[in-house]
Full PDB file with SEQRES, HELIX, SHEET, SSBOND, CRYST1, ORIGX, SCALE, CONECT and MASTER records, all heavy atoms in Angstrom:
SEQRES   1 A   39  GLN THR GLU ARG ASP TRP GLU LYS ALA ILE ASP ASN ALA          
SEQRES   2 A   39  SER ARG TYR GLU GLU VAL SER GLY GLU PRO MET GLY LYS          
SEQRES   3 A   39  LEU ILE ALA GLN PHE GLU CYS GLU LEU ALA GLU ARG HIS          
HELIX    1 AA1 TRP A    6  SER A   20  1                                  15    
HELIX    2 AA2 GLY A   25  ARG A   38  1                                  14    
CRYST1    1.000    1.000    1.000  90.00  90.00  90.00 P 1           1          
ORIGX1      1.000000  0.000000  0.000000        0.00000                         
ORIGX2      0.000000  1.000000  0.000000        0.00000                         
ORIGX3      0.000000  0.000000  1.000000        0.00000                         
SCALE1      1.000000  0.000000  0.000000        0.00000                         
SCALE2      0.000000  1.000000  0.000000        0.00000                         
SCALE3      0.000000  0.000000  1.000000        0.00000                         
ATOM      1  N   GLN A   1       0.841  -1.200   0.000  1.00  0.00           N  
ATOM      2  CA  GLN A   1       0.000   0.000   0.000  1.00  0.00           C  
ATOM      3  C   GLN A   1       0.871   1.244   0.000  1.00  0.00           C  
ATOM      4  O   GLN A   1       0.623   2.191  -0.753  1.00  0.00           O  
ATOM      5  CB  GLN A   1      -0.908   0.022   1.228  1.00  0.00           C  
ATOM      6  CG  GLN A   1      -2.140  -0.846   1.139  1.00  0.00           C  
ATOM      7  CD  GLN A   1      -3.101  -0.563   2.273  1.00  0.00           C  
ATOM      8  OE1 GLN A   1      -3.838   0.404   2.253  1.00  0.00           O  
ATOM      9  NE2 GLN A   1      -3.088  -1.414   3.288  1.00  0.00           N  
ATOM     10  N   THR A   2       1.885   1.257   0.861  1.00  0.00           N  
ATOM     11  CA  THR A   2       2.786   2.408   0.943  1.00  0.00           C  
ATOM     12  C   THR A   2       3.503   2.638  -0.380  1.00  0.00           C  
ATOM     13  O   THR A   2       3.672   3.780  -0.825  1.00  0.00           O  
ATOM     14  CB  THR A   2       3.812   2.194   2.069  1.00  0.00           C  
ATOM     15  OG1 THR A   2       3.124   1.997   3.313  1.00  0.00           O  
ATOM     16  CG2 THR A   2       4.744   3.392   2.193  1.00  0.00           C  
ATOM     17  N   GLU A   3       3.915   1.547  -1.019  1.00  0.00           N  
ATOM     18  CA  GLU A   3       4.630   1.649  -2.293  1.00  0.00           C  
ATOM     19  C   GLU A   3       3.691   1.782  -3.483  1.00  0.00           C  
ATOM     20  O   GLU A   3       4.146   1.939  -4.613  1.00  0.00           O  
ATOM     21  CB  GLU A   3       5.517   0.413  -2.476  1.00  0.00           C  
ATOM     22  CG  GLU A   3       6.627   0.297  -1.434  1.00  0.00           C  
ATOM     23  CD  GLU A   3       7.472  -0.950  -1.609  1.00  0.00           C  
ATOM     24  OE1 GLU A   3       7.013  -1.881  -2.314  1.00  0.00           O  
ATOM     25  OE2 GLU A   3       8.584  -0.999  -1.042  1.00  0.00           O  
ATOM     26  N   ARG A   4       2.376   1.696  -3.224  1.00  0.00           N  
ATOM     27  CA  ARG A   4       1.345   1.791  -4.275  1.00  0.00           C  
ATOM     28  C   ARG A   4       1.537   0.726  -5.360  1.00  0.00           C  
ATOM     29  O   ARG A   4       1.273   0.956  -6.537  1.00  0.00           O  
ATOM     30  CB  ARG A   4       1.316   3.198  -4.885  1.00  0.00           C  
ATOM     31  CG  ARG A   4       1.124   4.293  -3.844  1.00  0.00           C  
ATOM     32  CD  ARG A   4       0.931   5.653  -4.466  1.00  0.00           C  
ATOM     33  NE  ARG A   4      -0.372   5.778  -5.127  1.00  0.00           N  
ATOM     34  CZ  ARG A   4      -1.526   6.005  -4.496  1.00  0.00           C  
ATOM     35  NH1 ARG A   4      -1.544   6.129  -3.163  1.00  0.00           N  
ATOM     36  NH2 ARG A   4      -2.636   6.111  -5.161  1.00  0.00           N  
ATOM     37  N   ASP A   5       1.991  -0.436  -4.928  1.00  0.00           N  
ATOM     38  CA  ASP A   5       2.115  -1.590  -5.814  1.00  0.00           C  
ATOM     39  C   ASP A   5       0.829  -2.402  -5.652  1.00  0.00           C  
ATOM     40  O   ASP A   5       0.767  -3.375  -4.886  1.00  0.00           O  
ATOM     41  CB  ASP A   5       3.345  -2.421  -5.439  1.00  0.00           C  
ATOM     42  CG  ASP A   5       3.662  -3.482  -6.479  1.00  0.00           C  
ATOM     43  OD1 ASP A   5       2.733  -3.885  -7.223  1.00  0.00           O  
ATOM     44  OD2 ASP A   5       4.825  -3.930  -6.544  1.00  0.00           O  
ATOM     45  N   TRP A   6      -0.211  -1.998  -6.381  1.00  0.00           N  
ATOM     46  CA  TRP A   6      -1.554  -2.524  -6.126  1.00  0.00           C  
ATOM     47  C   TRP A   6      -1.701  -3.975  -6.532  1.00  0.00           C  
ATOM     48  O   TRP A   6      -2.472  -4.716  -5.900  1.00  0.00           O  
ATOM     49  CB  TRP A   6      -2.585  -1.650  -6.842  1.00  0.00           C  
ATOM     50  CG  TRP A   6      -2.477  -0.211  -6.453  1.00  0.00           C  
ATOM     51  CD1 TRP A   6      -2.184   0.855  -7.259  1.00  0.00           C  
ATOM     52  CD2 TRP A   6      -2.634   0.343  -5.134  1.00  0.00           C  
ATOM     53  NE1 TRP A   6      -2.144   2.015  -6.534  1.00  0.00           N  
ATOM     54  CE2 TRP A   6      -2.418   1.733  -5.228  1.00  0.00           C  
ATOM     55  CE3 TRP A   6      -2.929  -0.212  -3.886  1.00  0.00           C  
ATOM     56  CZ2 TRP A   6      -2.493   2.577  -4.123  1.00  0.00           C  
ATOM     57  CZ3 TRP A   6      -2.995   0.628  -2.782  1.00  0.00           C  
ATOM     58  CH2 TRP A   6      -2.792   2.001  -2.910  1.00  0.00           C  
ATOM     59  N   GLU A   7      -0.988  -4.427  -7.587  1.00  0.00           N  
ATOM     60  CA  GLU A   7      -1.088  -5.837  -7.983  1.00  0.00           C  
ATOM     61  C   GLU A   7      -0.606  -6.751  -6.861  1.00  0.00           C  
ATOM     62  O   GLU A   7      -1.271  -7.741  -6.522  1.00  0.00           O  
ATOM     63  CB  GLU A   7      -0.281  -6.096  -9.258  1.00  0.00           C  
ATOM     64  CG  GLU A   7      -0.859  -5.468 -10.514  1.00  0.00           C  
ATOM     65  CD  GLU A   7      -0.315  -4.067 -10.759  1.00  0.00           C  
ATOM     66  OE1 GLU A   7       0.306  -3.495  -9.817  1.00  0.00           O  
ATOM     67  OE2 GLU A   7      -0.504  -3.549 -11.876  1.00  0.00           O  
ATOM     68  N   LYS A   8       0.548  -6.422  -6.268  1.00  0.00           N  
ATOM     69  CA  LYS A   8       1.072  -7.246  -5.176  1.00  0.00           C  
ATOM     70  C   LYS A   8       0.204  -7.122  -3.925  1.00  0.00           C  
ATOM     71  O   LYS A   8       0.043  -8.088  -3.173  1.00  0.00           O  
ATOM     72  CB  LYS A   8       2.515  -6.854  -4.864  1.00  0.00           C  
ATOM     73  CG  LYS A   8       3.505  -7.265  -5.953  1.00  0.00           C  
ATOM     74  CD  LYS A   8       4.935  -6.936  -5.548  1.00  0.00           C  
ATOM     75  CE  LYS A   8       5.919  -7.380  -6.620  1.00  0.00           C  
ATOM     76  NZ  LYS A   8       7.326  -7.031  -6.256  1.00  0.00           N  
ATOM     77  N   ALA A   9      -0.346  -5.931  -3.702  1.00  0.00           N  
ATOM     78  CA  ALA A   9      -1.240  -5.757  -2.555  1.00  0.00           C  
ATOM     79  C   ALA A   9      -2.471  -6.646  -2.706  1.00  0.00           C  
ATOM     80  O   ALA A   9      -2.917  -7.285  -1.741  1.00  0.00           O  
ATOM     81  CB  ALA A   9      -1.656  -4.293  -2.431  1.00  0.00           C  
ATOM     82  N   ILE A  10      -3.010  -6.721  -3.906  1.00  0.00           N  
ATOM     83  CA  ILE A  10      -4.179  -7.567  -4.166  1.00  0.00           C  
ATOM     84  C   ILE A  10      -3.829  -9.037  -3.966  1.00  0.00           C  
ATOM     85  O   ILE A  10      -4.577  -9.797  -3.338  1.00  0.00           O  
ATOM     86  CB  ILE A  10      -4.704  -7.325  -5.603  1.00  0.00           C  
ATOM     87  CG1 ILE A  10      -5.302  -5.921  -5.713  1.00  0.00           C  
ATOM     88  CG2 ILE A  10      -5.734  -8.383  -5.998  1.00  0.00           C  
ATOM     89  CD1 ILE A  10      -5.549  -5.478  -7.137  1.00  0.00           C  
ATOM     90  N   ASP A  11      -2.672  -9.454  -4.506  1.00  0.00           N  
ATOM     91  CA  ASP A  11      -2.253 -10.856  -4.391  1.00  0.00           C  
ATOM     92  C   ASP A  11      -2.101 -11.269  -2.931  1.00  0.00           C  
ATOM     93  O   ASP A  11      -2.593 -12.321  -2.511  1.00  0.00           O  
ATOM     94  CB  ASP A  11      -0.938 -11.053  -5.142  1.00  0.00           C  
ATOM     95  CG  ASP A  11      -0.417 -12.475  -5.018  1.00  0.00           C  
ATOM     96  OD1 ASP A  11      -1.116 -13.406  -5.455  1.00  0.00           O  
ATOM     97  OD2 ASP A  11       0.682 -12.657  -4.461  1.00  0.00           O  
ATOM     98  N   ASN A  12      -1.452 -10.440  -2.133  1.00  0.00           N  
ATOM     99  CA  ASN A  12      -1.227 -10.789  -0.726  1.00  0.00           C  
ATOM    100  C   ASN A  12      -2.504 -10.684   0.099  1.00  0.00           C  
ATOM    101  O   ASN A  12      -2.687 -11.446   1.052  1.00  0.00           O  
ATOM    102  CB  ASN A  12      -0.127  -9.907  -0.140  1.00  0.00           C  
ATOM    103  CG  ASN A  12       1.255 -10.356  -0.561  1.00  0.00           C  
ATOM    104  OD1 ASN A  12       1.854 -11.232   0.057  1.00  0.00           O  
ATOM    105  ND2 ASN A  12       1.769  -9.775  -1.639  1.00  0.00           N  
ATOM    106  N   ALA A  13      -3.387  -9.770  -0.258  1.00  0.00           N  
ATOM    107  CA  ALA A  13      -4.669  -9.690   0.438  1.00  0.00           C  
ATOM    108  C   ALA A  13      -5.509 -10.938   0.169  1.00  0.00           C  
ATOM    109  O   ALA A  13      -6.182 -11.459   1.071  1.00  0.00           O  
ATOM    110  CB  ALA A  13      -5.428  -8.433   0.001  1.00  0.00           C  
ATOM    111  N   SER A  14      -5.458 -11.439  -1.064  1.00  0.00           N  
ATOM    112  CA  SER A  14      -6.185 -12.667  -1.393  1.00  0.00           C  
ATOM    113  C   SER A  14      -5.610 -13.861  -0.627  1.00  0.00           C  
ATOM    114  O   SER A  14      -6.357 -14.696  -0.097  1.00  0.00           O  
ATOM    115  CB  SER A  14      -6.111 -12.930  -2.899  1.00  0.00           C  
ATOM    116  OG  SER A  14      -6.684 -11.864  -3.638  1.00  0.00           O  
ATOM    117  N   ARG A  15      -4.284 -13.927  -0.547  1.00  0.00           N  
ATOM    118  CA  ARG A  15      -3.648 -15.017   0.198  1.00  0.00           C  
ATOM    119  C   ARG A  15      -3.970 -14.920   1.687  1.00  0.00           C  
ATOM    120  O   ARG A  15      -4.210 -15.926   2.350  1.00  0.00           O  
ATOM    121  CB  ARG A  15      -2.139 -14.973  -0.015  1.00  0.00           C  
ATOM    122  CG  ARG A  15      -1.708 -15.311  -1.445  1.00  0.00           C  
ATOM    123  CD  ARG A  15      -0.230 -15.049  -1.645  1.00  0.00           C  
ATOM    124  NE  ARG A  15       0.598 -15.899  -0.779  1.00  0.00           N  
ATOM    125  CZ  ARG A  15       1.898 -15.723  -0.589  1.00  0.00           C  
ATOM    126  NH1 ARG A  15       2.512 -14.713  -1.191  1.00  0.00           N  
ATOM    127  NH2 ARG A  15       2.576 -16.538   0.197  1.00  0.00           N  
ATOM    128  N   TYR A  16      -3.989 -13.684   2.198  1.00  0.00           N  
ATOM    129  CA  TYR A  16      -4.313 -13.500   3.615  1.00  0.00           C  
ATOM    130  C   TYR A  16      -5.733 -13.975   3.916  1.00  0.00           C  
ATOM    131  O   TYR A  16      -5.980 -14.608   4.943  1.00  0.00           O  
ATOM    132  CB  TYR A  16      -4.164 -12.023   3.989  1.00  0.00           C  
ATOM    133  CG  TYR A  16      -4.522 -11.723   5.427  1.00  0.00           C  
ATOM    134  CD1 TYR A  16      -3.616 -11.970   6.450  1.00  0.00           C  
ATOM    135  CD2 TYR A  16      -5.775 -11.208   5.765  1.00  0.00           C  
ATOM    136  CE1 TYR A  16      -3.935 -11.711   7.772  1.00  0.00           C  
ATOM    137  CE2 TYR A  16      -6.102 -10.945   7.083  1.00  0.00           C  
ATOM    138  CZ  TYR A  16      -5.178 -11.199   8.081  1.00  0.00           C  
ATOM    139  OH  TYR A  16      -5.517 -10.948   9.386  1.00  0.00           O  
ATOM    140  N   GLU A  17      -6.656 -13.692   3.017  1.00  0.00           N  
ATOM    141  CA  GLU A  17      -8.036 -14.142   3.203  1.00  0.00           C  
ATOM    142  C   GLU A  17      -8.109 -15.671   3.223  1.00  0.00           C  
ATOM    143  O   GLU A  17      -8.858 -16.257   4.013  1.00  0.00           O  
ATOM    144  CB  GLU A  17      -8.924 -13.575   2.092  1.00  0.00           C  
ATOM    145  CG  GLU A  17     -10.398 -13.887   2.241  1.00  0.00           C  
ATOM    146  CD  GLU A  17     -11.231 -13.222   1.161  1.00  0.00           C  
ATOM    147  OE1 GLU A  17     -11.050 -13.598  -0.020  1.00  0.00           O  
ATOM    148  OE2 GLU A  17     -12.040 -12.343   1.485  1.00  0.00           O  
ATOM    149  N   GLU A  18      -7.306 -16.315   2.381  1.00  0.00           N  
ATOM    150  CA  GLU A  18      -7.305 -17.775   2.314  1.00  0.00           C  
ATOM    151  C   GLU A  18      -6.789 -18.404   3.608  1.00  0.00           C  
ATOM    152  O   GLU A  18      -7.368 -19.362   4.115  1.00  0.00           O  
ATOM    153  CB  GLU A  18      -6.454 -18.244   1.135  1.00  0.00           C  
ATOM    154  CG  GLU A  18      -7.049 -17.929  -0.235  1.00  0.00           C  
ATOM    155  CD  GLU A  18      -6.107 -18.339  -1.352  1.00  0.00           C  
ATOM    156  OE1 GLU A  18      -5.058 -18.950  -1.049  1.00  0.00           O  
ATOM    157  OE2 GLU A  18      -6.410 -18.045  -2.527  1.00  0.00           O  
ATOM    158  N   VAL A  19      -5.693 -17.855   4.147  1.00  0.00           N  
ATOM    159  CA  VAL A  19      -5.067 -18.506   5.301  1.00  0.00           C  
ATOM    160  C   VAL A  19      -5.697 -18.100   6.625  1.00  0.00           C  
ATOM    161  O   VAL A  19      -5.626 -18.843   7.602  1.00  0.00           O  
ATOM    162  CB  VAL A  19      -3.553 -18.221   5.356  1.00  0.00           C  
ATOM    163  CG1 VAL A  19      -2.872 -18.708   4.095  1.00  0.00           C  
ATOM    164  CG2 VAL A  19      -3.269 -16.746   5.589  1.00  0.00           C  
ATOM    165  N   SER A  20      -6.327 -16.922   6.672  1.00  0.00           N  
ATOM    166  CA  SER A  20      -6.878 -16.435   7.941  1.00  0.00           C  
ATOM    167  C   SER A  20      -8.389 -16.571   8.026  1.00  0.00           C  
ATOM    168  O   SER A  20      -8.949 -16.606   9.122  1.00  0.00           O  
ATOM    169  CB  SER A  20      -6.499 -14.964   8.154  1.00  0.00           C  
ATOM    170  OG  SER A  20      -7.189 -14.127   7.238  1.00  0.00           O  
ATOM    171  N   GLY A  21      -9.054 -16.619   6.861  1.00  0.00           N  
ATOM    172  CA  GLY A  21     -10.506 -16.655   6.861  1.00  0.00           C  
ATOM    173  C   GLY A  21     -11.151 -15.298   7.050  1.00  0.00           C  
ATOM    174  O   GLY A  21     -12.382 -15.173   7.047  1.00  0.00           O  
ATOM    175  N   GLU A  22     -10.339 -14.261   7.215  1.00  0.00           N  
ATOM    176  CA  GLU A  22     -10.875 -12.901   7.397  1.00  0.00           C  
ATOM    177  C   GLU A  22     -11.253 -12.314   6.040  1.00  0.00           C  
ATOM    178  O   GLU A  22     -10.433 -12.273   5.125  1.00  0.00           O  
ATOM    179  CB  GLU A  22      -9.830 -12.015   8.073  1.00  0.00           C  
ATOM    180  CG  GLU A  22     -10.290 -10.585   8.297  1.00  0.00           C  
ATOM    181  CD  GLU A  22      -9.217  -9.728   8.945  1.00  0.00           C  
ATOM    182  OE1 GLU A  22      -8.304 -10.301   9.580  1.00  0.00           O  
ATOM    183  OE2 GLU A  22      -9.288  -8.492   8.806  1.00  0.00           O  
ATOM    184  N   PRO A  23     -12.487 -11.823   5.873  1.00  0.00           N  
ATOM    185  CA  PRO A  23     -12.898 -11.255   4.575  1.00  0.00           C  
ATOM    186  C   PRO A  23     -12.052 -10.038   4.208  1.00  0.00           C  
ATOM    187  O   PRO A  23     -11.862  -9.140   5.024  1.00  0.00           O  
ATOM    188  CB  PRO A  23     -14.360 -10.863   4.814  1.00  0.00           C  
ATOM    189  CG  PRO A  23     -14.799 -11.651   6.002  1.00  0.00           C  
ATOM    190  CD  PRO A  23     -13.585 -11.808   6.864  1.00  0.00           C  
ATOM    191  N   MET A  24     -11.564 -10.020   2.998  1.00  0.00           N  
ATOM    192  CA  MET A  24     -10.730  -8.909   2.521  1.00  0.00           C  
ATOM    193  C   MET A  24     -11.311  -8.273   1.264  1.00  0.00           C  
ATOM    194  O   MET A  24     -10.639  -7.474   0.596  1.00  0.00           O  
ATOM    195  CB  MET A  24      -9.310  -9.420   2.237  1.00  0.00           C  
ATOM    196  CG  MET A  24      -8.589  -9.985   3.449  1.00  0.00           C  
ATOM    197  SD  MET A  24      -8.222  -8.732   4.693  1.00  0.00           S  
ATOM    198  CE  MET A  24      -6.896  -7.845   3.887  1.00  0.00           C  
ATOM    199  N   GLY A  25     -12.564  -8.608   0.931  1.00  0.00           N  
ATOM    200  CA  GLY A  25     -13.155  -8.138  -0.317  1.00  0.00           C  
ATOM    201  C   GLY A  25     -13.205  -6.627  -0.440  1.00  0.00           C  
ATOM    202  O   GLY A  25     -12.900  -6.069  -1.503  1.00  0.00           O  
ATOM    203  N   LYS A  26     -13.593  -5.949   0.626  1.00  0.00           N  
ATOM    204  CA  LYS A  26     -13.715  -4.491   0.559  1.00  0.00           C  
ATOM    205  C   LYS A  26     -12.358  -3.835   0.321  1.00  0.00           C  
ATOM    206  O   LYS A  26     -12.244  -2.863  -0.440  1.00  0.00           O  
ATOM    207  CB  LYS A  26     -14.361  -3.949   1.839  1.00  0.00           C  
ATOM    208  CG  LYS A  26     -15.832  -4.321   1.990  1.00  0.00           C  
ATOM    209  CD  LYS A  26     -16.464  -3.650   3.183  1.00  0.00           C  
ATOM    210  CE  LYS A  26     -17.941  -4.014   3.307  1.00  0.00           C  
ATOM    211  NZ  LYS A  26     -18.717  -3.565   2.126  1.00  0.00           N  
ATOM    212  N   LEU A  27     -11.313  -4.360   0.968  1.00  0.00           N  
ATOM    213  CA  LEU A  27      -9.973  -3.804   0.769  1.00  0.00           C  
ATOM    214  C   LEU A  27      -9.463  -4.106  -0.637  1.00  0.00           C  
ATOM    215  O   LEU A  27      -8.880  -3.235  -1.300  1.00  0.00           O  
ATOM    216  CB  LEU A  27      -9.017  -4.376   1.813  1.00  0.00           C  
ATOM    217  CG  LEU A  27      -7.602  -3.788   1.824  1.00  0.00           C  
ATOM    218  CD1 LEU A  27      -7.642  -2.292   2.099  1.00  0.00           C  
ATOM    219  CD2 LEU A  27      -6.740  -4.500   2.853  1.00  0.00           C  
ATOM    220  N   ILE A  28      -9.683  -5.326  -1.105  1.00  0.00           N  
ATOM    221  CA  ILE A  28      -9.261  -5.684  -2.466  1.00  0.00           C  
ATOM    222  C   ILE A  28      -9.963  -4.811  -3.490  1.00  0.00           C  
ATOM    223  O   ILE A  28      -9.357  -4.373  -4.477  1.00  0.00           O  
ATOM    224  CB  ILE A  28      -9.530  -7.181  -2.726  1.00  0.00           C  
ATOM    225  CG1 ILE A  28      -8.595  -8.050  -1.867  1.00  0.00           C  
ATOM    226  CG2 ILE A  28      -9.347  -7.520  -4.207  1.00  0.00           C  
ATOM    227  CD1 ILE A  28      -8.901  -9.527  -1.927  1.00  0.00           C  
ATOM    228  N   ALA A  29     -11.250  -4.521  -3.267  1.00  0.00           N  
ATOM    229  CA  ALA A  29     -11.984  -3.653  -4.189  1.00  0.00           C  
ATOM    230  C   ALA A  29     -11.364  -2.258  -4.242  1.00  0.00           C  
ATOM    231  O   ALA A  29     -11.277  -1.636  -5.318  1.00  0.00           O  
ATOM    232  CB  ALA A  29     -13.453  -3.559  -3.768  1.00  0.00           C  
ATOM    233  N   GLN A  30     -10.913  -1.745  -3.095  1.00  0.00           N  
ATOM    234  CA  GLN A  30     -10.239  -0.443  -3.094  1.00  0.00           C  
ATOM    235  C   GLN A  30      -8.958  -0.498  -3.923  1.00  0.00           C  
ATOM    236  O   GLN A  30      -8.653   0.436  -4.689  1.00  0.00           O  
ATOM    237  CB  GLN A  30      -9.922  -0.016  -1.657  1.00  0.00           C  
ATOM    238  CG  GLN A  30     -11.126   0.341  -0.818  1.00  0.00           C  
ATOM    239  CD  GLN A  30     -11.707   1.704  -1.153  1.00  0.00           C  
ATOM    240  OE1 GLN A  30     -11.182   2.424  -2.007  1.00  0.00           O  
ATOM    241  NE2 GLN A  30     -12.792   2.057  -0.499  1.00  0.00           N  
ATOM    242  N   PHE A  31      -8.204  -1.586  -3.787  1.00  0.00           N  
ATOM    243  CA  PHE A  31      -6.966  -1.727  -4.557  1.00  0.00           C  
ATOM    244  C   PHE A  31      -7.262  -1.802  -6.057  1.00  0.00           C  
ATOM    245  O   PHE A  31      -6.550  -1.206  -6.878  1.00  0.00           O  
ATOM    246  CB  PHE A  31      -6.200  -2.976  -4.115  1.00  0.00           C  
ATOM    247  CG  PHE A  31      -5.715  -2.935  -2.691  1.00  0.00           C  
ATOM    248  CD1 PHE A  31      -5.377  -4.102  -2.017  1.00  0.00           C  
ATOM    249  CD2 PHE A  31      -5.593  -1.735  -2.016  1.00  0.00           C  
ATOM    250  CE1 PHE A  31      -4.919  -4.073  -0.712  1.00  0.00           C  
ATOM    251  CE2 PHE A  31      -5.138  -1.696  -0.697  1.00  0.00           C  
ATOM    252  CZ  PHE A  31      -4.804  -2.869  -0.049  1.00  0.00           C  
ATOM    253  N   GLU A  32      -8.313  -2.548  -6.424  1.00  0.00           N  
ATOM    254  CA  GLU A  32      -8.687  -2.641  -7.839  1.00  0.00           C  
ATOM    255  C   GLU A  32      -9.107  -1.272  -8.372  1.00  0.00           C  
ATOM    256  O   GLU A  32      -8.803  -0.920  -9.528  1.00  0.00           O  
ATOM    257  CB  GLU A  32      -9.821  -3.653  -8.018  1.00  0.00           C  
ATOM    258  CG  GLU A  32      -9.443  -5.106  -7.746  1.00  0.00           C  
ATOM    259  CD  GLU A  32      -8.565  -5.720  -8.830  1.00  0.00           C  
ATOM    260  OE1 GLU A  32      -8.149  -4.997  -9.771  1.00  0.00           O  
ATOM    261  OE2 GLU A  32      -8.282  -6.934  -8.737  1.00  0.00           O  
ATOM    262  N   CYS A  33      -9.778  -0.492  -7.561  1.00  0.00           N  
ATOM    263  CA  CYS A  33     -10.174   0.851  -7.987  1.00  0.00           C  
ATOM    264  C   CYS A  33      -8.960   1.757  -8.156  1.00  0.00           C  
ATOM    265  O   CYS A  33      -8.955   2.633  -9.041  1.00  0.00           O  
ATOM    266  CB  CYS A  33     -11.160   1.459  -6.985  1.00  0.00           C  
ATOM    267  SG  CYS A  33     -12.821   0.739  -7.057  1.00  0.00           S  
ATOM    268  N   GLU A  34      -7.934   1.552  -7.325  1.00  0.00           N  
ATOM    269  CA  GLU A  34      -6.703   2.306  -7.517  1.00  0.00           C  
ATOM    270  C   GLU A  34      -6.088   1.965  -8.877  1.00  0.00           C  
ATOM    271  O   GLU A  34      -5.593   2.849  -9.585  1.00  0.00           O  
ATOM    272  CB  GLU A  34      -5.708   1.989  -6.391  1.00  0.00           C  
ATOM    273  CG  GLU A  34      -6.064   2.573  -5.039  1.00  0.00           C  
ATOM    274  CD  GLU A  34      -5.857   4.072  -4.978  1.00  0.00           C  
ATOM    275  OE1 GLU A  34      -5.123   4.625  -5.839  1.00  0.00           O  
ATOM    276  OE2 GLU A  34      -6.417   4.712  -4.059  1.00  0.00           O  
ATOM    277  N   LEU A  35      -6.115   0.684  -9.225  1.00  0.00           N  
ATOM    278  CA  LEU A  35      -5.619   0.292 -10.552  1.00  0.00           C  
ATOM    279  C   LEU A  35      -6.463   0.907 -11.657  1.00  0.00           C  
ATOM    280  O   LEU A  35      -5.934   1.383 -12.674  1.00  0.00           O  
ATOM    281  CB  LEU A  35      -5.645  -1.238 -10.673  1.00  0.00           C  
ATOM    282  CG  LEU A  35      -4.484  -2.017 -10.075  1.00  0.00           C  
ATOM    283  CD1 LEU A  35      -4.720  -3.520 -10.235  1.00  0.00           C  
ATOM    284  CD2 LEU A  35      -3.170  -1.621 -10.727  1.00  0.00           C  
ATOM    285  N   ALA A  36      -7.791   0.892 -11.468  1.00  0.00           N  
ATOM    286  CA  ALA A  36      -8.682   1.473 -12.470  1.00  0.00           C  
ATOM    287  C   ALA A  36      -8.408   2.965 -12.653  1.00  0.00           C  
ATOM    288  O   ALA A  36      -8.408   3.479 -13.785  1.00  0.00           O  
ATOM    289  CB  ALA A  36     -10.142   1.243 -12.073  1.00  0.00           C  
ATOM    290  N   GLU A  37      -8.173   3.668 -11.553  1.00  0.00           N  
ATOM    291  CA  GLU A  37      -7.839   5.095 -11.637  1.00  0.00           C  
ATOM    292  C   GLU A  37      -6.552   5.297 -12.440  1.00  0.00           C  
ATOM    293  O   GLU A  37      -6.456   6.220 -13.258  1.00  0.00           O  
ATOM    294  CB  GLU A  37      -7.667   5.672 -10.232  1.00  0.00           C  
ATOM    295  CG  GLU A  37      -8.944   5.747  -9.408  1.00  0.00           C  
ATOM    296  CD  GLU A  37      -9.711   7.039  -9.646  1.00  0.00           C  
ATOM    297  OE1 GLU A  37      -9.452   7.707 -10.674  1.00  0.00           O  
ATOM    298  OE2 GLU A  37     -10.578   7.356  -8.815  1.00  0.00           O  
ATOM    299  N   ARG A  38      -5.586   4.431 -12.202  1.00  0.00           N  
ATOM    300  CA  ARG A  38      -4.311   4.536 -12.924  1.00  0.00           C  
ATOM    301  C   ARG A  38      -4.517   4.314 -14.423  1.00  0.00           C  
ATOM    302  O   ARG A  38      -3.976   5.067 -15.250  1.00  0.00           O  
ATOM    303  CB  ARG A  38      -3.323   3.521 -12.356  1.00  0.00           C  
ATOM    304  CG  ARG A  38      -1.943   3.566 -12.991  1.00  0.00           C  
ATOM    305  CD  ARG A  38      -1.033   2.521 -12.347  1.00  0.00           C  
ATOM    306  NE  ARG A  38      -0.794   2.822 -10.939  1.00  0.00           N  
ATOM    307  CZ  ARG A  38      -0.182   1.993 -10.106  1.00  0.00           C  
ATOM    308  NH1 ARG A  38       0.242   0.805 -10.536  1.00  0.00           N  
ATOM    309  NH2 ARG A  38       0.022   2.332  -8.851  1.00  0.00           N  
ATOM    310  N   HIS A  39      -5.300   3.301 -14.764  1.00  0.00           N  
ATOM    311  CA  HIS A  39      -5.569   3.036 -16.191  1.00  0.00           C  
ATOM    312  C   HIS A  39      -6.393   4.163 -16.816  1.00  0.00           C  
ATOM    313  O   HIS A  39      -6.167   4.536 -17.973  1.00  0.00           O  
ATOM    314  CB  HIS A  39      -6.307   1.709 -16.343  1.00  0.00           C  
ATOM    315  CG  HIS A  39      -5.468   0.502 -16.036  1.00  0.00           C  
ATOM    316  ND1 HIS A  39      -4.252   0.274 -16.630  1.00  0.00           N  
ATOM    317  CD2 HIS A  39      -5.677  -0.554 -15.195  1.00  0.00           C  
ATOM    318  CE1 HIS A  39      -3.731  -0.863 -16.182  1.00  0.00           C  
ATOM    319  NE2 HIS A  39      -4.580  -1.380 -15.301  1.00  0.00           N  
TER     320      HIS A  39                                                      
MASTER        0    0    0    2    0    0    0    6  319    1    0    3          
END                                                                             
């Protein structure tokens, strides 16, 4: 997040959701929107 590397942030958030069971959808959506803004 600090480095604004949204692809890696999304990948690690998805992995975190898998191993912890904590929902990360809202955060991942924010990261995807950051990518959309960039495009």
